[in-house]
Amino acid sequence: MPTEIIEAEAVAVKHRNATGLTDLLPDSLRYFRHIEQIVDSIVNSFGFRQIILPQLDPASAYTEALGEAFLDRTIETNLKDNKEKYVMRAHPRIGVLRSFLENNLYSWPPPVRLTYKPETVTKVNGVLQHQRYICLDCLGGKDGITSASMLLILRKLEEALRTKKSK
């Protein structure tokens, strides 16, 4: 075995992912991307628009929305900006709500239909948990049509995924 490979293996063993964090490798990624394509196709036909959010959130957003106790589940960073402390995203909705307000998305005609694909890292009983989501949000739409649309989207997703699974 060439020495470069042996040295690379030694480095890999020394620098492992933290327990609870996973890499998405090609075979799994192919399946994940296939699911994403199905979801994107359906939700786009209902007027959803995709946003991409940073992996960091202001710690104060968690304390205001979920209380001080939730900060125990967050992963702190060394990043501070204007005295604000930042943490790794620990809840999928915190970033979209921050973005909605910060970027004046409330000025768009309601309901504002957004789709986003956050990843979260949380600590539960000292163990890291890494999760990937595909999220839909209808902000400002509390009417029967919006609720019916969301139910119809879920139905179409279920049908599309069941059809693909049975093939």
Foldseek 3Di string as FASTA:
>chain_A
DDPVVVVVVVVDVVDDDAFQDDDQDDVNVVVVVVLVVLLCVLVVVVVADEDEFDQKDFPVLCCVPPNPVQVQWWAWDPDDDPNTTITGAADVCSRVVCCCVVVVVVPPPFFHKYWYWHWHWTADPNGIHIDIDIDIDGHPDDDPVVVVSVVVSVVSSVVVVVVVVVD
